[in-house]
Amino acid sequence: MIQPVRRRTYARELCLQFLYMYELQKESALEELDAFIAHHTKGVRDVEGRPVIKKFTQYLSNGVIENADLIDNWAVSVAHNWPIKRMALIDRNILRIAIFELLEEDQDAPPKGVINEAIELAKKFSSSKSGKFVNGILNQVMLLIQTAKEG
């Protein structure tokens, strides 16, 4: 059974997979979001958690897509000489998810928790060096976002 905390982890994984699909077929992917989530949660034994996973996956996916330019600007501002299109597809989408969460005012997860989740996604779905890359970018972005919110 997926525990409540793990529900958000699973939703982040689903969001990452959906964003991968979105990058490959933008026109049709958004129409498939609900079916995608339904397909990937039907086997989840935590029946009470399915709506939580669905809602958080939709929230992240839609938020990242709707705010892509803003999110990408934050990433590129600290990734010197690394345009967003030059980053590995999985890595840039992990960054997008985490930066979206860091930018959100009413999010439940602490910034360090968001970064740790992103690092774990990178370790699980990307290359051996991706965890360090994601960590480096997100720590700098987190500091910039905190400074911007204070000022």
N, C-alpha and C. Protein backbone atom coordinates (compact mmCIF):
# COMPACT_ATOMS: atom_id res chain seq x y z
N MET A 1 0.84 -1.18 0.00
CA MET A 1 0.00 0.00 0.00
C MET A 1 0.89 1.25 0.00
N ILE A 2 0.54 2.22 -0.81
CA ILE A 2 1.29 3.47 -0.85
C ILE A 2 0.87 4.32 0.33
N GLN A 3 1.83 4.72 1.16
CA GLN A 3 1.54 5.55 2.31
C GLN A 3 1.28 6.99 1.86
N PRO A 4 0.59 7.80 2.67
CA PRO A 4 0.25 9.17 2.28
C PRO A 4 1.43 9.99 1.77
N VAL A 5 2.57 9.92 2.43
CA VAL A 5 3.73 10.69 1.98
C VAL A 5 4.20 10.18 0.61
N ARG A 6 4.12 8.90 0.42
CA ARG A 6 4.55 8.31 -0.83
C ARG A 6 3.59 8.66 -1.97
N ARG A 7 2.39 9.06 -1.65
CA ARG A 7 1.42 9.44 -2.68
C ARG A 7 1.97 10.59 -3.51
N ARG A 8 2.54 11.58 -2.85
CA ARG A 8 3.11 12.72 -3.57
C ARG A 8 4.34 12.30 -4.38
N THR A 9 5.11 11.40 -3.83
CA THR A 9 6.27 10.88 -4.58
C THR A 9 5.80 10.20 -5.85
N TYR A 10 4.78 9.36 -5.71
CA TYR A 10 4.24 8.66 -6.88
C TYR A 10 3.64 9.65 -7.88
N ALA A 11 2.97 10.68 -7.38
CA ALA A 11 2.40 11.70 -8.27
C ALA A 11 3.51 12.44 -9.02
N ARG A 12 4.61 12.71 -8.37
CA ARG A 12 5.74 13.36 -9.04
C ARG A 12 6.29 12.45 -10.15
N GLU A 13 6.37 11.16 -9.87
CA GLU A 13 6.83 10.21 -10.89
C GLU A 13 5.89 10.20 -12.08
N LEU A 14 4.59 10.17 -11.81
CA LEU A 14 3.60 10.20 -12.90
C LEU A 14 3.70 11.50 -13.68
N CYS A 15 3.86 12.61 -12.99
CA CYS A 15 4.01 13.89 -13.66
C CYS A 15 5.23 13.88 -14.56
N LEU A 16 6.35 13.36 -14.07
CA LEU A 16 7.56 13.28 -14.89
C LEU A 16 7.31 12.46 -16.14
N GLN A 17 6.66 11.33 -16.00
CA GLN A 17 6.35 10.48 -17.15
C GLN A 17 5.41 11.19 -18.12
N PHE A 18 4.43 11.90 -17.57
CA PHE A 18 3.51 12.63 -18.43
C PHE A 18 4.23 13.76 -19.17
N LEU A 19 5.10 14.49 -18.49
CA LEU A 19 5.83 15.59 -19.14
C LEU A 19 6.74 15.06 -20.25
N TYR A 20 7.27 13.88 -20.07
CA TYR A 20 8.07 13.24 -21.13
C TYR A 20 7.18 13.02 -22.35
N MET A 21 5.99 12.47 -22.12
CA MET A 21 5.05 12.25 -23.20
C MET A 21 4.64 13.58 -23.83
N TYR A 22 4.42 14.58 -23.00
CA TYR A 22 4.02 15.90 -23.49
C TYR A 22 5.07 16.50 -24.42
N GLU A 23 6.32 16.33 -24.09
CA GLU A 23 7.39 16.87 -24.94
C GLU A 23 7.43 16.18 -26.30
N LEU A 24 7.02 14.94 -26.34
CA LEU A 24 7.05 14.19 -27.59
C LEU A 24 5.81 14.42 -28.46
N GLN A 25 4.68 14.70 -27.83
CA GLN A 25 3.43 14.87 -28.59
C GLN A 25 2.52 15.91 -27.93
N LYS A 26 2.97 17.15 -27.95
CA LYS A 26 2.27 18.24 -27.28
C LYS A 26 0.78 18.32 -27.61
N GLU A 27 0.45 18.24 -28.87
CA GLU A 27 -0.93 18.46 -29.30
C GLU A 27 -1.91 17.50 -28.64
N SER A 28 -1.57 16.25 -28.56
CA SER A 28 -2.51 15.27 -28.06
C SER A 28 -2.32 14.91 -26.59
N ALA A 29 -1.18 15.25 -26.02
CA ALA A 29 -0.88 14.80 -24.66
C ALA A 29 -1.84 15.37 -23.62
N LEU A 30 -2.16 16.65 -23.71
CA LEU A 30 -3.04 17.26 -22.71
C LEU A 30 -4.41 16.59 -22.67
N GLU A 31 -4.89 16.18 -23.82
CA GLU A 31 -6.17 15.48 -23.88
C GLU A 31 -6.11 14.13 -23.17
N GLU A 32 -4.92 13.60 -23.04
CA GLU A 32 -4.74 12.26 -22.48
C GLU A 32 -4.39 12.26 -20.99
N LEU A 33 -4.25 13.43 -20.37
CA LEU A 33 -3.78 13.48 -18.99
C LEU A 33 -4.66 12.65 -18.05
N ASP A 34 -5.97 12.83 -18.09
CA ASP A 34 -6.83 12.08 -17.18
C ASP A 34 -6.76 10.57 -17.43
N ALA A 35 -6.75 10.18 -18.69
CA ALA A 35 -6.66 8.75 -19.02
C ALA A 35 -5.30 8.19 -18.59
N PHE A 36 -4.25 8.99 -18.77
CA PHE A 36 -2.90 8.58 -18.37
C PHE A 36 -2.87 8.31 -16.86
N ILE A 37 -3.41 9.25 -16.09
CA ILE A 37 -3.41 9.10 -14.63
C ILE A 37 -4.27 7.90 -14.22
N ALA A 38 -5.43 7.77 -14.82
CA ALA A 38 -6.32 6.65 -14.49
C ALA A 38 -5.63 5.31 -14.76
N HIS A 39 -4.97 5.23 -15.89
CA HIS A 39 -4.28 3.98 -16.25
C HIS A 39 -3.18 3.64 -15.24
N HIS A 40 -2.43 4.66 -14.82
CA HIS A 40 -1.29 4.43 -13.93
C HIS A 40 -1.64 4.37 -12.45
N THR A 41 -2.90 4.62 -12.11
CA THR A 41 -3.29 4.51 -10.71
C THR A 41 -4.28 3.37 -10.46
N LYS A 42 -4.74 2.74 -11.52
CA LYS A 42 -5.75 1.68 -11.30
C LYS A 42 -5.19 0.50 -10.52
N GLY A 43 -3.90 0.27 -10.55
CA GLY A 43 -3.30 -0.82 -9.80
C GLY A 43 -2.85 -0.44 -8.40
N VAL A 44 -3.02 0.81 -8.04
CA VAL A 44 -2.60 1.26 -6.72
C VAL A 44 -3.57 0.69 -5.68
N ARG A 45 -3.03 -0.07 -4.74
CA ARG A 45 -3.88 -0.71 -3.73
C ARG A 45 -4.45 0.28 -2.72
N ASP A 46 -3.82 1.42 -2.61
CA ASP A 46 -4.28 2.48 -1.71
C ASP A 46 -5.44 3.21 -2.39
N VAL A 47 -6.62 2.62 -2.34
CA VAL A 47 -7.80 3.15 -3.03
C VAL A 47 -8.11 4.57 -2.57
N GLU A 48 -7.97 4.83 -1.28
CA GLU A 48 -8.22 6.17 -0.76
C GLU A 48 -7.20 7.18 -1.27
N GLY A 49 -6.03 6.70 -1.63
CA GLY A 49 -4.97 7.58 -2.10
C GLY A 49 -5.06 7.93 -3.57
N ARG A 50 -5.80 7.15 -4.34
CA ARG A 50 -5.90 7.41 -5.78
C ARG A 50 -6.34 8.83 -6.10
N PRO A 51 -7.40 9.36 -5.46
CA PRO A 51 -7.78 10.73 -5.77
C PRO A 51 -6.71 11.75 -5.41
N VAL A 52 -5.97 11.48 -4.34
CA VAL A 52 -4.88 12.38 -3.92
C VAL A 52 -3.78 12.37 -4.98
N ILE A 53 -3.43 11.19 -5.44
CA ILE A 53 -2.41 11.05 -6.47
C ILE A 53 -2.87 11.73 -7.75
N LYS A 54 -4.11 11.50 -8.13
CA LYS A 54 -4.65 12.11 -9.35
C LYS A 54 -4.62 13.63 -9.26
N LYS A 55 -5.11 14.16 -8.17
CA LYS A 55 -5.19 15.62 -8.01
C LYS A 55 -3.80 16.25 -8.03
N PHE A 56 -2.85 15.65 -7.32
CA PHE A 56 -1.50 16.23 -7.26
C PHE A 56 -0.78 16.09 -8.61
N THR A 57 -0.99 14.98 -9.30
CA THR A 57 -0.40 14.80 -10.62
C THR A 57 -0.95 15.84 -11.59
N GLN A 58 -2.25 16.05 -11.57
CA GLN A 58 -2.86 17.06 -12.44
C GLN A 58 -2.34 18.45 -12.10
N TYR A 59 -2.28 18.75 -10.82
CA TYR A 59 -1.80 20.05 -10.35
C TYR A 59 -0.38 20.32 -10.85
N LEU A 60 0.51 19.34 -10.65
CA LEU A 60 1.90 19.51 -11.08
C LEU A 60 2.00 19.60 -12.60
N SER A 61 1.35 18.69 -13.30
CA SER A 61 1.45 18.65 -14.76
C SER A 61 0.93 19.94 -15.38
N ASN A 62 -0.26 20.35 -14.99
CA ASN A 62 -0.83 21.58 -15.53
C ASN A 62 -0.01 22.81 -15.13
N GLY A 63 0.44 22.83 -13.89
CA GLY A 63 1.24 23.96 -13.41
C GLY A 63 2.54 24.11 -14.16
N VAL A 64 3.22 23.00 -14.40
CA VAL A 64 4.49 23.04 -15.14
C VAL A 64 4.25 23.50 -16.58
N ILE A 65 3.24 22.95 -17.22
CA ILE A 65 2.97 23.30 -18.61
C ILE A 65 2.55 24.77 -18.74
N GLU A 66 1.68 25.23 -17.85
CA GLU A 66 1.19 26.60 -17.92
C GLU A 66 2.27 27.63 -17.58
N ASN A 67 3.24 27.25 -16.79
CA ASN A 67 4.28 28.18 -16.34
C ASN A 67 5.66 27.83 -16.88
N ALA A 68 5.69 27.11 -17.98
CA ALA A 68 6.96 26.59 -18.52
C ALA A 68 8.00 27.68 -18.77
N ASP A 69 7.60 28.78 -19.37
CA ASP A 69 8.58 29.83 -19.67
C ASP A 69 9.19 30.42 -18.40
N LEU A 70 8.36 30.72 -17.43
CA LEU A 70 8.84 31.25 -16.15
C LEU A 70 9.76 30.25 -15.47
N ILE A 71 9.34 29.01 -15.41
CA ILE A 71 10.12 27.95 -14.77
C ILE A 71 11.47 27.78 -15.48
N ASP A 72 11.44 27.73 -16.80
CA ASP A 72 12.68 27.58 -17.57
C ASP A 72 13.62 28.75 -17.35
N ASN A 73 13.08 29.94 -17.21
CA ASN A 73 13.93 31.11 -16.95
C ASN A 73 14.65 30.98 -15.62
N TRP A 74 13.98 30.47 -14.60
CA TRP A 74 14.64 30.24 -13.31
C TRP A 74 15.77 29.23 -13.46
N ALA A 75 15.52 28.15 -14.18
CA ALA A 75 16.54 27.11 -14.36
C ALA A 75 17.74 27.64 -15.12
N VAL A 76 17.50 28.33 -16.21
CA VAL A 76 18.58 28.83 -17.06
C VAL A 76 19.36 29.94 -16.37
N SER A 77 18.71 30.67 -15.46
CA SER A 77 19.40 31.77 -14.77
C SER A 77 20.58 31.28 -13.93
N VAL A 78 20.55 30.03 -13.51
CA VAL A 78 21.66 29.48 -12.72
C VAL A 78 22.47 28.42 -13.47
N ALA A 79 21.94 27.93 -14.55
CA ALA A 79 22.62 26.90 -15.34
C ALA A 79 23.41 27.58 -16.46
N HIS A 80 24.47 28.23 -16.10
CA HIS A 80 25.26 28.99 -17.06
C HIS A 80 25.72 28.10 -18.22
N ASN A 81 25.53 28.60 -19.41
CA ASN A 81 25.91 27.90 -20.64
C ASN A 81 25.13 26.60 -20.86
N TRP A 82 24.00 26.46 -20.19
CA TRP A 82 23.15 25.28 -20.37
C TRP A 82 21.74 25.73 -20.75
N PRO A 83 21.49 25.99 -22.02
CA PRO A 83 20.12 26.32 -22.42
C PRO A 83 19.21 25.13 -22.09
N ILE A 84 17.96 25.43 -21.84
CA ILE A 84 17.02 24.39 -21.40
C ILE A 84 16.95 23.23 -22.40
N LYS A 85 17.02 23.51 -23.68
CA LYS A 85 16.94 22.45 -24.70
C LYS A 85 18.19 21.58 -24.73
N ARG A 86 19.28 22.08 -24.15
CA ARG A 86 20.53 21.30 -24.12
C ARG A 86 20.53 20.30 -22.95
N MET A 87 19.69 20.55 -21.97
CA MET A 87 19.61 19.64 -20.82
C MET A 87 18.91 18.36 -21.25
N ALA A 88 19.27 17.28 -20.62
CA ALA A 88 18.61 16.00 -20.89
C ALA A 88 17.12 16.15 -20.62
N LEU A 89 16.31 15.54 -21.45
CA LEU A 89 14.86 15.67 -21.37
C LEU A 89 14.32 15.32 -19.99
N ILE A 90 14.78 14.25 -19.41
CA ILE A 90 14.32 13.85 -18.08
C ILE A 90 14.77 14.87 -17.04
N ASP A 91 16.03 15.28 -17.10
CA ASP A 91 16.56 16.23 -16.12
C ASP A 91 15.81 17.55 -16.16
N ARG A 92 15.56 18.06 -17.34
CA ARG A 92 14.89 19.36 -17.41
C ARG A 92 13.45 19.27 -16.89
N ASN A 93 12.81 18.13 -17.08
CA ASN A 93 11.45 17.99 -16.55
C ASN A 93 11.44 17.78 -15.04
N ILE A 94 12.44 17.12 -14.52
CA ILE A 94 12.58 17.02 -13.06
C ILE A 94 12.78 18.42 -12.48
N LEU A 95 13.65 19.20 -13.11
CA LEU A 95 13.87 20.58 -12.66
C LEU A 95 12.58 21.39 -12.73
N ARG A 96 11.84 21.23 -13.81
CA ARG A 96 10.59 21.98 -13.96
C ARG A 96 9.59 21.67 -12.85
N ILE A 97 9.45 20.40 -12.53
CA ILE A 97 8.51 20.00 -11.47
C ILE A 97 8.94 20.64 -10.15
N ALA A 98 10.21 20.50 -9.81
CA ALA A 98 10.70 21.01 -8.53
C ALA A 98 10.63 22.54 -8.47
N ILE A 99 11.01 23.21 -9.54
CA ILE A 99 10.96 24.67 -9.54
C ILE A 99 9.52 25.15 -9.41
N PHE A 100 8.61 24.49 -10.08
CA PHE A 100 7.20 24.85 -9.93
C PHE A 100 6.79 24.73 -8.46
N GLU A 101 7.17 23.64 -7.82
CA GLU A 101 6.82 23.48 -6.40
C GLU A 101 7.49 24.53 -5.53
N LEU A 102 8.73 24.87 -5.84
CA LEU A 102 9.44 25.88 -5.05
C LEU A 102 8.80 27.26 -5.20
N LEU A 103 8.25 27.53 -6.36
CA LEU A 103 7.62 28.82 -6.62
C LEU A 103 6.25 28.96 -5.97
N GLU A 104 5.60 27.86 -5.70
CA GLU A 104 4.24 27.89 -5.18
C GLU A 104 4.23 28.37 -3.74
N GLU A 105 3.38 29.33 -3.46
CA GLU A 105 3.26 29.91 -2.13
C GLU A 105 2.65 28.95 -1.12
N ASP A 106 1.63 28.21 -1.55
CA ASP A 106 0.85 27.41 -0.61
C ASP A 106 1.22 25.93 -0.61
N GLN A 107 2.42 25.62 -1.02
CA GLN A 107 2.79 24.21 -1.08
C GLN A 107 3.07 23.66 0.31
N ASP A 108 2.82 22.38 0.48
CA ASP A 108 2.98 21.73 1.78
C ASP A 108 4.40 21.26 2.05
N ALA A 109 5.11 20.93 1.00
CA ALA A 109 6.45 20.36 1.16
C ALA A 109 7.49 21.46 1.39
N PRO A 110 8.39 21.25 2.35
CA PRO A 110 9.46 22.23 2.55
C PRO A 110 10.41 22.20 1.35
N PRO A 111 11.07 23.33 1.06
CA PRO A 111 11.97 23.38 -0.10
C PRO A 111 13.01 22.26 -0.15
N LYS A 112 13.61 21.96 0.99
CA LYS A 112 14.61 20.88 1.01
C LYS A 112 13.97 19.53 0.66
N GLY A 113 12.74 19.33 1.08
CA GLY A 113 12.02 18.10 0.74
C GLY A 113 11.75 18.01 -0.75
N VAL A 114 11.38 19.13 -1.36
CA VAL A 114 11.14 19.17 -2.80
C VAL A 114 12.43 18.83 -3.54
N ILE A 115 13.54 19.41 -3.09
CA ILE A 115 14.83 19.15 -3.74
C ILE A 115 15.23 17.70 -3.58
N ASN A 116 15.05 17.14 -2.39
CA ASN A 116 15.40 15.73 -2.17
C ASN A 116 14.56 14.81 -3.05
N GLU A 117 13.27 15.12 -3.19
CA GLU A 117 12.41 14.32 -4.07
C GLU A 117 12.92 14.39 -5.52
N ALA A 118 13.33 15.58 -5.95
CA ALA A 118 13.85 15.75 -7.31
C ALA A 118 15.13 14.95 -7.51
N ILE A 119 15.99 14.97 -6.53
CA ILE A 119 17.25 14.20 -6.62
C ILE A 119 16.93 12.71 -6.74
N GLU A 120 15.99 12.24 -5.95
CA GLU A 120 15.60 10.83 -6.02
C GLU A 120 15.01 10.48 -7.39
N LEU A 121 14.20 11.38 -7.94
CA LEU A 121 13.67 11.16 -9.30
C LEU A 121 14.82 11.04 -10.30
N ALA A 122 15.80 11.93 -10.17
CA ALA A 122 16.94 11.91 -11.09
C ALA A 122 17.72 10.61 -10.97
N LYS A 123 17.93 10.16 -9.76
CA LYS A 123 18.65 8.90 -9.54
C LYS A 123 17.88 7.72 -10.13
N LYS A 124 16.56 7.76 -10.01
CA LYS A 124 15.73 6.65 -10.45
C LYS A 124 15.52 6.63 -11.96
N PHE A 125 15.35 7.80 -12.58
CA PHE A 125 14.94 7.85 -13.98
C PHE A 125 15.99 8.39 -14.94
N SER A 126 17.11 8.90 -14.44
CA SER A 126 18.08 9.51 -15.35
C SER A 126 19.46 8.90 -15.16
N SER A 127 20.48 9.64 -15.53
CA SER A 127 21.84 9.11 -15.51
C SER A 127 22.46 9.18 -14.11
N SER A 128 23.62 8.58 -13.97
CA SER A 128 24.30 8.55 -12.68
C SER A 128 24.74 9.94 -12.21
N LYS A 129 24.92 10.86 -13.13
CA LYS A 129 25.36 12.22 -12.77
C LYS A 129 24.20 13.18 -12.58
N SER A 130 23.01 12.76 -12.90
CA SER A 130 21.86 13.66 -12.87
C SER A 130 21.50 14.14 -11.47
N GLY A 131 21.65 13.29 -10.48
CA GLY A 131 21.33 13.69 -9.11
C GLY A 131 22.13 14.91 -8.68
N LYS A 132 23.42 14.91 -8.96
CA LYS A 132 24.28 16.04 -8.61
C LYS A 132 23.91 17.28 -9.43
N PHE A 133 23.62 17.08 -10.70
CA PHE A 133 23.24 18.20 -11.57
C PHE A 133 21.96 18.85 -11.06
N VAL A 134 20.95 18.04 -10.80
CA VAL A 134 19.66 18.53 -10.31
C VAL A 134 19.83 19.23 -8.96
N ASN A 135 20.60 18.63 -8.07
CA ASN A 135 20.85 19.21 -6.76
C ASN A 135 21.51 20.59 -6.89
N GLY A 136 22.53 20.68 -7.71
CA GLY A 136 23.24 21.95 -7.88
C GLY A 136 22.34 23.06 -8.41
N ILE A 137 21.56 22.74 -9.42
CA ILE A 137 20.66 23.74 -10.01
C ILE A 137 19.58 24.14 -9.00
N LEU A 138 18.95 23.16 -8.38
CA LEU A 138 17.83 23.46 -7.50
C LEU A 138 18.23 24.20 -6.23
N ASN A 139 19.39 23.90 -5.68
CA ASN A 139 19.84 24.64 -4.50
C ASN A 139 20.03 26.12 -4.82
N GLN A 140 20.60 26.41 -5.99
CA GLN A 140 20.78 27.80 -6.39
C GLN A 140 19.44 28.48 -6.68
N VAL A 141 18.55 27.77 -7.37
CA VAL A 141 17.23 28.33 -7.67
C VAL A 141 16.46 28.58 -6.37
N MET A 142 16.55 27.65 -5.43
CA MET A 142 15.85 27.82 -4.15
C MET A 142 16.30 29.10 -3.45
N LEU A 143 17.61 29.34 -3.43
CA LEU A 143 18.13 30.55 -2.80
C LEU A 143 17.64 31.81 -3.51
N LEU A 144 17.62 31.78 -4.83
CA LEU A 144 17.14 32.93 -5.59
C LEU A 144 15.64 33.18 -5.34
N ILE A 145 14.87 32.12 -5.30
CA ILE A 145 13.43 32.25 -5.06
C ILE A 145 13.18 32.79 -3.64
N GLN A 146 13.91 32.28 -2.66
CA GLN A 146 13.75 32.77 -1.30
C GLN A 146 14.12 34.25 -1.20
N THR A 147 15.18 34.65 -1.88
CA THR A 147 15.59 36.06 -1.90
C THR A 147 14.52 36.92 -2.56
N ALA A 148 13.97 36.44 -3.67
CA ALA A 148 12.93 37.19 -4.38
C ALA A 148 11.66 37.33 -3.53
N LYS A 149 11.31 36.29 -2.78
CA LYS A 149 10.11 36.33 -1.95
C LYS A 149 10.30 37.27 -0.76
N GLU A 150 11.52 37.36 -0.26
CA GLU A 150 11.81 38.24 0.88
C GLU A 150 11.85 39.71 0.45
N GLY A 151 12.27 39.93 -0.79
CA GLY A 151 12.46 41.31 -1.27
C GLY A 151 11.29 41.85 -1.91
